[in-house]
Amino acid sequence: MSKRRLVDANLIVRHLVQANAKHAAKAGRLIAACDCGELVLVVLPAVVAECVFVLESFYEIPRRVIARVMAALVNSPGIELADLAIHLDALNRYGRTTVHFVDCTIVATAAARALPVASFNNDYKKFPDVTVYLD
């Protein structure tokens, strides 16, 4: 049985951006252990959102790049993320649009579960597979 670790956004970000050599090396070892089945990294949905936010706002990485690298990371066999398909869909929508990631997650969830969205945000109307209701 593999060891499990709940992972924080700072570990994922340090691994992806390689900004701090010492932290990046340690994060890389954990990711490598995860990739070879020695370790399972449990990623919470909020951590995915935080990573996207930090990569976009602080590191100014293009949305398409963020969507691609985050999708590859969370889709790795040693990563455990609840509602993986929804998060992959949200990352895809985020990479193709200018809509905020959390809103893309709401859209992906609404589409997957056939639920209407209650919101005043007009961005939801950009997605033909989602219905917006306020009544």
N, C-alpha and C. Protein backbone atom coordinates (compact mmCIF):
# COMPACT_ATOMS: atom_id res chain seq x y z
N MET A 1 0.83 -1.18 0.00
CA MET A 1 0.00 0.00 0.00
C MET A 1 0.88 1.25 0.00
N SER A 2 0.50 2.19 -0.78
CA SER A 2 1.27 3.43 -0.92
C SER A 2 1.06 4.37 0.26
N LYS A 3 2.05 5.17 0.51
CA LYS A 3 1.90 6.25 1.48
C LYS A 3 1.07 7.35 0.82
N ARG A 4 0.33 8.07 1.63
CA ARG A 4 -0.51 9.17 1.12
C ARG A 4 -0.11 10.46 1.81
N ARG A 5 -0.12 11.52 1.05
CA ARG A 5 0.18 12.84 1.58
C ARG A 5 -0.84 13.82 1.02
N LEU A 6 -1.39 14.64 1.88
CA LEU A 6 -2.25 15.74 1.46
C LEU A 6 -1.31 16.87 1.05
N VAL A 7 -1.46 17.36 -0.16
CA VAL A 7 -0.48 18.30 -0.70
C VAL A 7 -1.04 19.74 -0.70
N ASP A 8 -0.14 20.67 -0.41
CA ASP A 8 -0.48 22.09 -0.42
C ASP A 8 -0.12 22.70 -1.77
N ALA A 9 -0.78 23.80 -2.11
CA ALA A 9 -0.54 24.46 -3.39
C ALA A 9 0.92 24.90 -3.54
N ASN A 10 1.55 25.31 -2.45
CA ASN A 10 2.92 25.82 -2.59
C ASN A 10 3.87 24.74 -3.10
N LEU A 11 3.65 23.48 -2.75
CA LEU A 11 4.49 22.40 -3.24
C LEU A 11 4.31 22.23 -4.76
N ILE A 12 3.07 22.25 -5.20
CA ILE A 12 2.79 22.08 -6.63
C ILE A 12 3.37 23.26 -7.42
N VAL A 13 3.14 24.47 -6.93
CA VAL A 13 3.63 25.66 -7.63
C VAL A 13 5.16 25.63 -7.69
N ARG A 14 5.82 25.32 -6.59
CA ARG A 14 7.29 25.28 -6.58
C ARG A 14 7.80 24.25 -7.57
N HIS A 15 7.11 23.13 -7.66
CA HIS A 15 7.50 22.10 -8.64
C HIS A 15 7.34 22.61 -10.07
N LEU A 16 6.25 23.28 -10.34
CA LEU A 16 5.97 23.72 -11.70
C LEU A 16 6.84 24.88 -12.16
N VAL A 17 7.09 25.84 -11.28
CA VAL A 17 7.83 27.04 -11.70
C VAL A 17 9.33 26.96 -11.43
N GLN A 18 9.75 26.05 -10.56
CA GLN A 18 11.18 25.87 -10.26
C GLN A 18 11.82 27.18 -9.79
N ALA A 19 11.06 27.99 -9.04
CA ALA A 19 11.55 29.30 -8.61
C ALA A 19 12.54 29.22 -7.46
N ASN A 20 12.38 28.27 -6.58
CA ASN A 20 13.27 28.11 -5.43
C ASN A 20 13.91 26.73 -5.58
N ALA A 21 15.20 26.70 -5.87
CA ALA A 21 15.87 25.44 -6.21
C ALA A 21 15.73 24.37 -5.12
N LYS A 22 15.89 24.75 -3.87
CA LYS A 22 15.79 23.79 -2.77
C LYS A 22 14.37 23.22 -2.67
N HIS A 23 13.38 24.10 -2.72
CA HIS A 23 11.98 23.65 -2.65
C HIS A 23 11.60 22.86 -3.89
N ALA A 24 12.04 23.30 -5.06
CA ALA A 24 11.72 22.61 -6.30
C ALA A 24 12.29 21.19 -6.30
N ALA A 25 13.48 21.03 -5.76
CA ALA A 25 14.10 19.70 -5.69
C ALA A 25 13.30 18.76 -4.78
N LYS A 26 12.91 19.27 -3.61
CA LYS A 26 12.12 18.44 -2.69
C LYS A 26 10.76 18.11 -3.30
N ALA A 27 10.12 19.10 -3.90
CA ALA A 27 8.82 18.87 -4.53
C ALA A 27 8.96 17.88 -5.68
N GLY A 28 10.03 18.02 -6.44
CA GLY A 28 10.29 17.09 -7.55
C GLY A 28 10.45 15.66 -7.09
N ARG A 29 11.11 15.47 -5.94
CA ARG A 29 11.26 14.11 -5.39
C ARG A 29 9.90 13.52 -5.01
N LEU A 30 9.04 14.35 -4.42
CA LEU A 30 7.69 13.87 -4.06
C LEU A 30 6.88 13.52 -5.31
N ILE A 31 6.96 14.37 -6.32
CA ILE A 31 6.23 14.11 -7.56
C ILE A 31 6.78 12.85 -8.22
N ALA A 32 8.08 12.67 -8.21
CA ALA A 32 8.69 11.47 -8.79
C ALA A 32 8.24 10.22 -8.05
N ALA A 33 8.20 10.29 -6.72
CA ALA A 33 7.72 9.15 -5.92
C ALA A 33 6.26 8.86 -6.24
N CYS A 34 5.52 9.90 -6.47
CA CYS A 34 4.11 9.77 -6.85
C CYS A 34 4.00 9.09 -8.22
N ASP A 35 4.83 9.52 -9.17
CA ASP A 35 4.79 8.97 -10.53
C ASP A 35 5.17 7.50 -10.59
N CYS A 36 6.02 7.06 -9.67
CA CYS A 36 6.44 5.65 -9.71
C CYS A 36 5.65 4.77 -8.73
N GLY A 37 4.61 5.30 -8.13
CA GLY A 37 3.72 4.50 -7.31
C GLY A 37 4.13 4.33 -5.86
N GLU A 38 5.16 5.03 -5.42
CA GLU A 38 5.60 4.93 -4.02
C GLU A 38 4.77 5.81 -3.10
N LEU A 39 4.05 6.76 -3.66
CA LEU A 39 3.36 7.77 -2.88
C LEU A 39 2.12 8.22 -3.63
N VAL A 40 1.07 8.50 -2.88
CA VAL A 40 -0.14 9.09 -3.46
C VAL A 40 -0.26 10.50 -2.89
N LEU A 41 -0.38 11.46 -3.78
CA LEU A 41 -0.59 12.84 -3.36
C LEU A 41 -2.07 13.16 -3.50
N VAL A 42 -2.68 13.52 -2.40
CA VAL A 42 -4.10 13.87 -2.37
C VAL A 42 -4.19 15.38 -2.57
N VAL A 43 -4.88 15.77 -3.64
CA VAL A 43 -5.01 17.18 -3.99
C VAL A 43 -6.47 17.58 -3.80
N LEU A 44 -6.69 18.57 -2.97
CA LEU A 44 -8.05 19.07 -2.76
C LEU A 44 -8.44 20.02 -3.89
N PRO A 45 -9.73 20.08 -4.23
CA PRO A 45 -10.16 21.02 -5.27
C PRO A 45 -9.73 22.46 -5.00
N ALA A 46 -9.75 22.88 -3.75
CA ALA A 46 -9.32 24.25 -3.42
C ALA A 46 -7.85 24.46 -3.75
N VAL A 47 -7.05 23.43 -3.64
CA VAL A 47 -5.63 23.52 -3.96
C VAL A 47 -5.44 23.73 -5.46
N VAL A 48 -6.23 23.04 -6.27
CA VAL A 48 -6.16 23.25 -7.72
C VAL A 48 -6.48 24.70 -8.03
N ALA A 49 -7.54 25.22 -7.43
CA ALA A 49 -7.94 26.61 -7.66
C ALA A 49 -6.84 27.58 -7.22
N GLU A 50 -6.22 27.32 -6.08
CA GLU A 50 -5.15 28.20 -5.60
C GLU A 50 -3.95 28.15 -6.54
N CYS A 51 -3.60 26.97 -7.01
CA CYS A 51 -2.48 26.85 -7.95
C CYS A 51 -2.74 27.66 -9.21
N VAL A 52 -3.93 27.52 -9.77
CA VAL A 52 -4.29 28.26 -10.98
C VAL A 52 -4.18 29.76 -10.72
N PHE A 53 -4.74 30.20 -9.60
CA PHE A 53 -4.71 31.63 -9.25
C PHE A 53 -3.27 32.14 -9.14
N VAL A 54 -2.43 31.44 -8.41
CA VAL A 54 -1.05 31.88 -8.20
C VAL A 54 -0.26 31.86 -9.50
N LEU A 55 -0.42 30.82 -10.28
CA LEU A 55 0.31 30.73 -11.55
C LEU A 55 -0.08 31.85 -12.51
N GLU A 56 -1.37 32.19 -12.50
CA GLU A 56 -1.84 33.25 -13.39
C GLU A 56 -1.50 34.64 -12.86
N SER A 57 -1.81 34.89 -11.59
CA SER A 57 -1.70 36.26 -11.07
C SER A 57 -0.27 36.63 -10.67
N PHE A 58 0.45 35.74 -10.03
CA PHE A 58 1.78 36.08 -9.55
C PHE A 58 2.86 35.79 -10.59
N TYR A 59 2.79 34.60 -11.21
CA TYR A 59 3.82 34.22 -12.17
C TYR A 59 3.47 34.62 -13.60
N GLU A 60 2.24 35.08 -13.82
CA GLU A 60 1.78 35.55 -15.12
C GLU A 60 1.98 34.52 -16.24
N ILE A 61 1.74 33.28 -15.91
CA ILE A 61 1.83 32.20 -16.89
C ILE A 61 0.54 32.21 -17.72
N PRO A 62 0.65 32.04 -19.03
CA PRO A 62 -0.54 32.05 -19.88
C PRO A 62 -1.54 30.95 -19.49
N ARG A 63 -2.81 31.28 -19.63
CA ARG A 63 -3.89 30.38 -19.24
C ARG A 63 -3.78 29.01 -19.91
N ARG A 64 -3.48 28.98 -21.19
CA ARG A 64 -3.38 27.69 -21.90
C ARG A 64 -2.28 26.82 -21.32
N VAL A 65 -1.18 27.44 -20.93
CA VAL A 65 -0.07 26.70 -20.33
C VAL A 65 -0.49 26.17 -18.96
N ILE A 66 -1.11 27.03 -18.17
CA ILE A 66 -1.59 26.60 -16.85
C ILE A 66 -2.54 25.44 -16.99
N ALA A 67 -3.49 25.55 -17.90
CA ALA A 67 -4.48 24.48 -18.10
C ALA A 67 -3.79 23.17 -18.47
N ARG A 68 -2.81 23.25 -19.36
CA ARG A 68 -2.11 22.05 -19.82
C ARG A 68 -1.29 21.39 -18.71
N VAL A 69 -0.48 22.18 -18.00
CA VAL A 69 0.39 21.58 -16.98
C VAL A 69 -0.40 21.10 -15.77
N MET A 70 -1.43 21.84 -15.39
CA MET A 70 -2.25 21.40 -14.26
C MET A 70 -3.05 20.14 -14.62
N ALA A 71 -3.56 20.08 -15.84
CA ALA A 71 -4.30 18.88 -16.26
C ALA A 71 -3.37 17.66 -16.26
N ALA A 72 -2.16 17.83 -16.77
CA ALA A 72 -1.20 16.72 -16.77
C ALA A 72 -0.88 16.28 -15.35
N LEU A 73 -0.70 17.24 -14.46
CA LEU A 73 -0.37 16.92 -13.08
C LEU A 73 -1.50 16.17 -12.40
N VAL A 74 -2.72 16.72 -12.44
CA VAL A 74 -3.82 16.08 -11.70
C VAL A 74 -4.26 14.77 -12.34
N ASN A 75 -3.91 14.56 -13.60
CA ASN A 75 -4.27 13.32 -14.28
C ASN A 75 -3.21 12.23 -14.12
N SER A 76 -2.15 12.53 -13.38
CA SER A 76 -1.09 11.55 -13.11
C SER A 76 -1.65 10.41 -12.26
N PRO A 77 -1.16 9.20 -12.46
CA PRO A 77 -1.69 8.05 -11.71
C PRO A 77 -1.51 8.14 -10.19
N GLY A 78 -0.51 8.85 -9.72
CA GLY A 78 -0.27 8.96 -8.28
C GLY A 78 -0.96 10.13 -7.62
N ILE A 79 -1.82 10.81 -8.36
CA ILE A 79 -2.56 11.95 -7.82
C ILE A 79 -4.00 11.53 -7.56
N GLU A 80 -4.50 11.89 -6.40
CA GLU A 80 -5.90 11.62 -6.06
C GLU A 80 -6.62 12.96 -5.94
N LEU A 81 -7.63 13.15 -6.79
CA LEU A 81 -8.41 14.38 -6.80
C LEU A 81 -9.87 14.01 -6.98
N ALA A 82 -10.71 14.38 -6.04
CA ALA A 82 -12.15 14.10 -6.15
C ALA A 82 -12.69 14.79 -7.39
N ASP A 83 -13.62 14.13 -8.07
CA ASP A 83 -14.24 14.69 -9.27
C ASP A 83 -13.19 15.07 -10.31
N LEU A 84 -12.28 14.16 -10.58
CA LEU A 84 -11.19 14.42 -11.53
C LEU A 84 -11.73 14.87 -12.89
N ALA A 85 -12.74 14.18 -13.42
CA ALA A 85 -13.26 14.52 -14.74
C ALA A 85 -13.79 15.96 -14.77
N ILE A 86 -14.44 16.37 -13.70
CA ILE A 86 -14.96 17.75 -13.63
C ILE A 86 -13.80 18.74 -13.63
N HIS A 87 -12.75 18.46 -12.89
CA HIS A 87 -11.61 19.38 -12.84
C HIS A 87 -10.85 19.41 -14.16
N LEU A 88 -10.75 18.29 -14.84
CA LEU A 88 -10.12 18.30 -16.16
C LEU A 88 -10.95 19.13 -17.14
N ASP A 89 -12.27 19.00 -17.06
CA ASP A 89 -13.16 19.80 -17.91
C ASP A 89 -13.01 21.28 -17.56
N ALA A 90 -12.97 21.60 -16.27
CA ALA A 90 -12.82 23.00 -15.84
C ALA A 90 -11.49 23.57 -16.34
N LEU A 91 -10.41 22.81 -16.26
CA LEU A 91 -9.12 23.28 -16.75
C LEU A 91 -9.16 23.51 -18.26
N ASN A 92 -9.83 22.63 -18.97
CA ASN A 92 -9.98 22.78 -20.41
C ASN A 92 -10.75 24.07 -20.73
N ARG A 93 -11.86 24.29 -20.05
CA ARG A 93 -12.66 25.51 -20.27
C ARG A 93 -11.86 26.76 -19.91
N TYR A 94 -11.13 26.69 -18.82
CA TYR A 94 -10.30 27.81 -18.38
C TYR A 94 -9.24 28.14 -19.45
N GLY A 95 -8.62 27.13 -20.02
CA GLY A 95 -7.59 27.35 -21.02
C GLY A 95 -8.11 27.92 -22.33
N ARG A 96 -9.39 27.69 -22.61
CA ARG A 96 -9.99 28.15 -23.87
C ARG A 96 -10.71 29.49 -23.77
N THR A 97 -10.91 30.00 -22.56
CA THR A 97 -11.73 31.19 -22.37
C THR A 97 -11.00 32.21 -21.50
N THR A 98 -11.72 33.29 -21.19
CA THR A 98 -11.20 34.28 -20.25
C THR A 98 -11.95 34.20 -18.92
N VAL A 99 -12.72 33.15 -18.74
CA VAL A 99 -13.54 32.96 -17.54
C VAL A 99 -12.65 32.48 -16.40
N HIS A 100 -12.88 33.00 -15.20
CA HIS A 100 -12.10 32.60 -14.01
C HIS A 100 -12.22 31.10 -13.78
N PHE A 101 -11.16 30.52 -13.21
CA PHE A 101 -11.13 29.07 -13.01
C PHE A 101 -12.25 28.57 -12.11
N VAL A 102 -12.54 29.26 -11.03
CA VAL A 102 -13.61 28.80 -10.13
C VAL A 102 -14.95 28.78 -10.88
N ASP A 103 -15.18 29.79 -11.71
CA ASP A 103 -16.40 29.81 -12.51
C ASP A 103 -16.40 28.65 -13.52
N CYS A 104 -15.25 28.34 -14.08
CA CYS A 104 -15.15 27.20 -14.98
C CYS A 104 -15.44 25.89 -14.24
N THR A 105 -15.05 25.82 -12.99
CA THR A 105 -15.35 24.64 -12.17
C THR A 105 -16.85 24.52 -11.92
N ILE A 106 -17.49 25.64 -11.67
CA ILE A 106 -18.95 25.64 -11.49
C ILE A 106 -19.62 25.19 -12.79
N VAL A 107 -19.16 25.72 -13.92
CA VAL A 107 -19.72 25.33 -15.22
C VAL A 107 -19.52 23.84 -15.48
N ALA A 108 -18.32 23.35 -15.24
CA ALA A 108 -18.04 21.93 -15.47
C ALA A 108 -18.90 21.04 -14.58
N THR A 109 -19.10 21.46 -13.33
CA THR A 109 -19.94 20.71 -12.41
C THR A 109 -21.40 20.75 -12.86
N ALA A 110 -21.87 21.92 -13.25
CA ALA A 110 -23.24 22.06 -13.73
C ALA A 110 -23.48 21.19 -14.95
N ALA A 111 -22.54 21.18 -15.86
CA ALA A 111 -22.68 20.37 -17.08
C ALA A 111 -22.66 18.87 -16.75
N ALA A 112 -21.75 18.47 -15.88
CA ALA A 112 -21.62 17.05 -15.55
C ALA A 112 -22.83 16.52 -14.79
N ARG A 113 -23.42 17.36 -13.98
CA ARG A 113 -24.52 16.92 -13.12
C ARG A 113 -25.88 17.41 -13.59
N ALA A 114 -25.92 18.04 -14.76
CA ALA A 114 -27.16 18.58 -15.34
C ALA A 114 -27.91 19.47 -14.35
N LEU A 115 -27.16 20.37 -13.73
CA LEU A 115 -27.72 21.32 -12.77
C LEU A 115 -27.68 22.73 -13.35
N PRO A 116 -28.75 23.50 -13.20
CA PRO A 116 -28.68 24.90 -13.60
C PRO A 116 -27.84 25.69 -12.59
N VAL A 117 -27.31 26.81 -13.05
CA VAL A 117 -26.50 27.68 -12.20
C VAL A 117 -27.34 28.90 -11.81
N ALA A 118 -27.32 29.24 -10.54
CA ALA A 118 -27.97 30.45 -10.06
C ALA A 118 -26.88 31.50 -9.85
N SER A 119 -26.88 32.53 -10.70
CA SER A 119 -25.83 33.53 -10.62
C SER A 119 -26.24 34.77 -11.41
N PHE A 120 -25.63 35.90 -11.04
CA PHE A 120 -25.76 37.13 -11.80
C PHE A 120 -24.59 37.28 -12.78
N ASN A 121 -23.64 36.36 -12.76
CA ASN A 121 -22.45 36.41 -13.58
C ASN A 121 -22.80 36.02 -15.03
N ASN A 122 -22.62 36.93 -15.94
CA ASN A 122 -22.94 36.68 -17.34
C ASN A 122 -21.97 35.73 -18.03
N ASP A 123 -20.82 35.45 -17.41
CA ASP A 123 -19.87 34.52 -18.01
C ASP A 123 -20.47 33.13 -18.21
N TYR A 124 -21.39 32.75 -17.36
CA TYR A 124 -21.99 31.42 -17.49
C TYR A 124 -22.75 31.27 -18.80
N LYS A 125 -23.23 32.37 -19.32
CA LYS A 125 -23.99 32.33 -20.57
C LYS A 125 -23.10 32.06 -21.77
N LYS A 126 -21.80 32.09 -21.58
CA LYS A 126 -20.86 31.79 -22.66
C LYS A 126 -20.78 30.30 -22.96
N PHE A 127 -21.35 29.50 -22.10
CA PHE A 127 -21.26 28.05 -22.24
C PHE A 127 -22.61 27.47 -22.62
N PRO A 128 -22.76 26.97 -23.83
CA PRO A 128 -24.07 26.50 -24.30
C PRO A 128 -24.60 25.27 -23.55
N ASP A 129 -23.73 24.57 -22.84
CA ASP A 129 -24.16 23.37 -22.14
C ASP A 129 -24.59 23.65 -20.69
N VAL A 130 -24.74 24.94 -20.34
CA VAL A 130 -25.13 25.32 -18.99
C VAL A 130 -26.31 26.28 -19.07
N THR A 131 -27.25 26.08 -18.15
CA THR A 131 -28.42 26.95 -18.07
C THR A 131 -28.31 27.79 -16.80
N VAL A 132 -28.65 29.07 -16.92
CA VAL A 132 -28.61 29.98 -15.78
C VAL A 132 -30.05 30.32 -15.39
N TYR A 133 -30.37 30.10 -14.13
CA TYR A 133 -31.70 30.42 -13.60
C TYR A 133 -31.54 31.24 -12.33
N LEU A 134 -32.40 32.19 -12.15
CA LEU A 134 -32.40 32.98 -10.93
C LEU A 134 -33.71 32.89 -10.19
N ASP A 135 -34.64 32.06 -10.65
CA ASP A 135 -35.94 31.95 -9.96
C ASP A 135 -36.13 30.60 -9.33
